Amino acid sequence: MVMVKKVSGLLAWVSLALFAQNILAPGAPIGDPVAGADKSALCQGCHGGTGNSESAEFPRLAGQYAGYIVKQIKDFKSGLRANNDTMAGMAATVESVQDMKDIASYFAQQKMVSDPLHKPNRKLAEKGEEIFTKGRPEKDLYACINCHGERGKGKAGTISTFPVIAGQHKDYIIKQLKDLQSGLRANDPAGMMADIAKKLSPEEVEAVAEYLSLQLP
């Protein structure tokens, strides 16, 4: 009964987040990817020309939902997200919402490729897959698949509150989960991810990150 109540509460948070951001309305691409190719020139210095960054210090943006990218830029500009000083400074250079949409649309249309520098740990990935798909009922840990979709590929572009996390750098995922645990990152809707992250042990964080890093959208 307790578990049912907690899961129901989390689902209510999800519904609230979707409603608050009005992300369920269907529509055309939110920006001009052609214009975004030029406008994203500075971004490409860190995130790569096609959004496939080589360093885990910078997230891979290829194939990411445009709506999610726009939200992160806005959050960095406003200070709501403050766990990366470099990105906060870069976001400040994006002058208009239309520029954000164009840049985001450009990266959203790129294809993610495998990371040649990552050496897979299949055993660890199997543990991560179990956590991702089933959660940990014994400690009320909600399964990641419910929001981030099969293999972390996302639910749909119209549900961009929950980002595509498949194929992301392992160390980047680990850092984000640790920042959510510590409160350094606090721009997740209704504190959903912070609540989940705090229930993950260091070993579970690494396992989930390993699993996701090996998936491609």
Protein backbone atom coordinates (compact mmCIF):
# COMPACT_ATOMS: atom_id res chain seq x y z
CA MET A 1 0.00 0.00 0.00
CA VAL A 2 2.82 2.39 0.87
CA MET A 3 4.58 1.61 -2.40
CA VAL A 4 1.37 2.25 -4.38
CA LYS A 5 0.95 5.64 -2.72
CA LYS A 6 4.55 6.65 -3.47
CA VAL A 7 4.33 5.57 -7.10
CA SER A 8 1.02 7.39 -7.46
CA GLY A 9 2.65 10.49 -6.03
CA LEU A 10 5.48 10.30 -8.53
CA LEU A 11 3.03 9.87 -11.39
CA ALA A 12 1.23 12.97 -10.16
CA TRP A 13 4.53 14.87 -10.29
CA VAL A 14 5.00 13.70 -13.88
CA SER A 15 1.52 14.86 -14.84
CA LEU A 16 2.12 18.22 -13.17
CA ALA A 17 5.40 18.69 -15.02
CA LEU A 18 3.80 17.93 -18.37
CA PHE A 19 0.93 20.30 -17.72
CA ALA A 20 3.10 23.10 -16.37
CA GLN A 21 5.35 23.13 -19.45
CA ASN A 22 2.53 22.62 -21.96
CA ILE A 23 4.61 20.08 -23.80
CA LEU A 24 1.88 17.75 -24.94
CA ALA A 25 0.65 20.02 -27.71
CA PRO A 26 1.66 18.63 -31.10
CA GLY A 27 3.24 20.86 -33.73
CA ALA A 28 5.92 21.41 -36.34
CA PRO A 29 9.66 21.58 -35.52
CA ILE A 30 10.18 24.43 -33.09
CA GLY A 31 12.99 26.13 -35.01
CA ASP A 32 14.97 26.34 -38.24
CA PRO A 33 17.78 23.75 -38.20
CA VAL A 34 19.46 25.36 -41.23
CA ALA A 35 19.74 28.68 -39.44
CA GLY A 36 20.69 26.78 -36.31
CA ALA A 37 23.75 25.29 -38.00
CA ASP A 38 25.33 28.74 -38.19
CA LYS A 39 23.97 30.02 -34.89
CA SER A 40 25.38 27.01 -33.05
CA ALA A 41 28.98 27.67 -34.15
CA LEU A 42 30.13 28.55 -30.63
CA CYS A 43 28.24 25.58 -29.18
CA GLN A 44 29.98 23.23 -31.59
CA GLY A 45 33.34 24.14 -30.06
CA CYS A 46 32.42 22.06 -26.99
CA HIS A 47 29.54 19.86 -28.14
CA GLY A 48 31.00 18.90 -31.51
CA GLY A 49 29.98 19.85 -35.02
CA THR A 50 27.21 17.26 -35.04
CA GLY A 51 26.53 17.28 -31.32
CA ASN A 52 28.74 14.26 -30.67
CA SER A 53 31.15 15.77 -28.17
CA GLU A 54 34.41 13.94 -27.59
CA SER A 55 34.77 14.93 -23.94
CA ALA A 56 32.44 13.79 -21.15
CA GLU A 57 32.73 17.31 -19.75
CA PHE A 58 30.23 18.34 -22.42
CA PRO A 59 26.99 16.43 -23.06
CA ARG A 60 26.24 14.88 -26.41
CA LEU A 61 23.37 16.83 -28.00
CA ALA A 62 22.90 14.84 -31.21
CA GLY A 63 19.32 13.61 -31.43
CA GLN A 64 18.29 15.36 -28.23
CA TYR A 65 14.76 16.77 -28.08
CA ALA A 66 14.81 20.39 -29.21
CA GLY A 67 12.36 21.37 -26.48
CA TYR A 68 14.64 19.96 -23.82
CA ILE A 69 17.67 21.83 -25.17
CA VAL A 70 15.72 25.09 -25.21
CA LYS A 71 14.66 24.58 -21.61
CA GLN A 72 18.24 23.98 -20.49
CA ILE A 73 19.48 27.12 -22.23
CA LYS A 74 16.70 29.13 -20.58
CA ASP A 75 17.48 27.60 -17.18
CA PHE A 76 21.18 28.46 -17.50
CA LYS A 77 20.34 32.01 -18.56
CA SER A 78 17.98 32.52 -15.63
CA GLY A 79 20.26 30.83 -13.09
CA LEU A 80 17.74 28.08 -12.37
CA ARG A 81 20.38 25.61 -13.50
CA ALA A 82 23.80 26.44 -12.12
CA ASN A 83 25.91 23.28 -12.14
CA ASN A 84 28.15 24.31 -15.04
CA ASP A 85 29.79 27.74 -15.08
CA THR A 86 31.00 27.36 -18.67
CA MET A 87 27.52 26.65 -19.97
CA ALA A 88 26.01 29.47 -17.93
CA GLY A 89 28.37 31.88 -19.67
CA MET A 90 27.69 30.43 -23.11
CA ALA A 91 23.91 30.49 -22.63
CA ALA A 92 24.13 34.19 -21.87
CA THR A 93 25.38 34.78 -25.43
CA VAL A 94 22.21 33.32 -26.99
CA GLU A 95 20.27 36.50 -27.61
CA SER A 96 16.73 35.40 -28.42
CA VAL A 97 14.30 32.56 -27.90
CA GLN A 98 14.23 32.05 -31.65
CA ASP A 99 18.00 31.57 -31.63
CA MET A 100 17.57 28.94 -28.91
CA LYS A 101 14.94 27.14 -30.98
CA ASP A 102 17.05 27.21 -34.14
CA ILE A 103 20.16 25.92 -32.35
CA ALA A 104 18.15 23.22 -30.59
CA SER A 105 16.50 22.13 -33.83
CA TYR A 106 19.88 21.79 -35.52
CA PHE A 107 21.25 19.47 -32.85
CA ALA A 108 17.96 17.55 -32.63
CA GLN A 109 18.32 16.56 -36.29
CA GLN A 110 21.85 15.20 -35.92
CA LYS A 111 22.56 11.50 -35.52
CA MET A 112 24.34 10.22 -32.46
CA VAL A 113 27.28 7.92 -33.12
CA SER A 114 29.05 5.50 -30.81
CA ASP A 115 31.84 6.79 -28.60
CA PRO A 116 35.07 5.13 -29.81
CA LEU A 117 36.89 6.02 -26.59
CA HIS A 118 34.52 4.16 -24.28
CA LYS A 119 35.46 0.59 -23.37
CA PRO A 120 32.26 -1.32 -22.51
CA ASN A 121 31.82 -3.12 -19.22
CA ARG A 122 29.07 -5.56 -20.18
CA LYS A 123 28.62 -7.05 -16.72
CA LEU A 124 28.15 -3.63 -15.18
CA ALA A 125 25.82 -2.64 -18.01
CA GLU A 126 23.60 -5.66 -17.31
CA LYS A 127 23.19 -4.50 -13.72
CA GLY A 128 22.40 -1.02 -14.97
CA GLU A 129 19.81 -2.35 -17.40
CA GLU A 130 17.98 -4.12 -14.59
CA ILE A 131 17.85 -0.94 -12.51
CA PHE A 132 16.81 1.13 -15.53
CA THR A 133 13.99 -1.18 -16.58
CA LYS A 134 12.75 -2.46 -13.21
CA GLY A 135 13.86 0.05 -10.61
CA ARG A 136 14.38 -1.14 -7.06
CA PRO A 137 10.92 -1.83 -5.53
CA GLU A 138 12.47 -2.72 -2.17
CA LYS A 139 13.69 0.88 -1.79
CA ASP A 140 10.89 2.61 -3.70
CA LEU A 141 13.15 3.39 -6.64
CA TYR A 142 11.07 4.21 -9.71
CA ALA A 143 12.23 2.58 -12.96
CA CYS A 144 13.95 5.04 -15.31
CA ILE A 145 12.26 3.51 -18.36
CA ASN A 146 8.90 4.97 -17.30
CA CYS A 147 10.02 8.51 -18.12
CA HIS A 148 13.05 8.13 -20.39
CA GLY A 149 11.65 5.37 -22.58
CA GLU A 150 13.06 2.09 -23.82
CA ARG A 151 16.87 2.04 -23.60
CA GLY A 152 16.79 5.73 -22.70
CA LYS A 153 15.71 6.73 -26.20
CA GLY A 154 12.99 9.04 -24.87
CA LYS A 155 9.22 8.88 -25.05
CA ALA A 156 8.43 11.33 -27.85
CA GLY A 157 9.47 14.74 -29.08
CA THR A 158 6.22 16.11 -27.72
CA ILE A 159 7.21 14.94 -24.22
CA SER A 160 10.55 16.71 -24.07
CA THR A 161 10.51 17.22 -20.31
CA PHE A 162 12.25 13.85 -20.15
CA PRO A 163 15.42 13.93 -22.27
CA VAL A 164 16.96 11.31 -24.48
CA ILE A 165 19.81 9.86 -22.39
CA ALA A 166 20.79 6.90 -24.57
CA GLY A 167 24.37 7.10 -25.80
CA GLN A 168 25.31 9.91 -23.43
CA HIS A 169 28.84 9.99 -21.99
CA LYS A 170 29.04 7.74 -18.93
CA ASP A 171 30.93 10.26 -16.83
CA TYR A 172 28.50 13.02 -17.79
CA ILE A 173 25.54 10.94 -16.60
CA ILE A 174 27.35 10.17 -13.35
CA LYS A 175 28.04 13.86 -12.75
CA GLN A 176 24.42 14.85 -13.37
CA LEU A 177 23.12 12.20 -10.96
CA LYS A 178 25.63 13.28 -8.31
CA ASP A 179 24.69 16.93 -8.81
CA LEU A 180 21.02 16.03 -8.42
CA GLN A 181 21.83 14.09 -5.25
CA SER A 182 23.73 17.02 -3.74
CA GLY A 183 21.30 19.70 -4.88
CA LEU A 184 23.89 21.40 -7.08
CA ARG A 185 21.55 20.78 -9.99
CA ALA A 186 18.01 21.74 -9.13
CA ASN A 187 16.11 22.42 -12.37
CA ASP A 188 14.34 19.07 -12.67
CA PRO A 189 10.53 19.44 -12.75
CA ALA A 190 8.98 19.07 -9.29
CA GLY A 191 12.26 17.62 -7.99
CA MET A 192 11.46 14.27 -9.61
CA MET A 193 15.00 13.37 -10.63
CA ALA A 194 16.53 14.55 -7.38
CA ASP A 195 14.23 12.25 -5.45
CA ILE A 196 15.15 9.30 -7.65
CA ALA A 197 18.88 10.06 -7.73
CA LYS A 198 19.09 10.17 -3.94
CA LYS A 199 17.93 6.56 -3.79
CA LEU A 200 20.79 5.36 -5.98
CA SER A 201 23.99 4.06 -4.40
CA PRO A 202 27.33 5.05 -5.99
CA GLU A 203 27.54 1.57 -7.51
CA GLU A 204 24.03 1.84 -8.95
CA VAL A 205 24.80 5.27 -10.40
CA GLU A 206 27.82 3.86 -12.21
CA ALA A 207 25.88 0.82 -13.45
CA VAL A 208 23.01 2.86 -14.89
CA ALA A 209 25.46 5.28 -16.50
CA GLU A 210 27.41 2.40 -18.05
CA TYR A 211 24.23 0.86 -19.48
CA LEU A 212 23.00 4.13 -20.97
CA SER A 213 26.35 5.04 -22.46
CA LEU A 214 26.23 1.89 -24.59
CA GLN A 215 22.80 2.59 -26.05
CA LEU A 216 22.23 4.62 -29.22
CA PRO A 217 18.93 6.36 -30.02
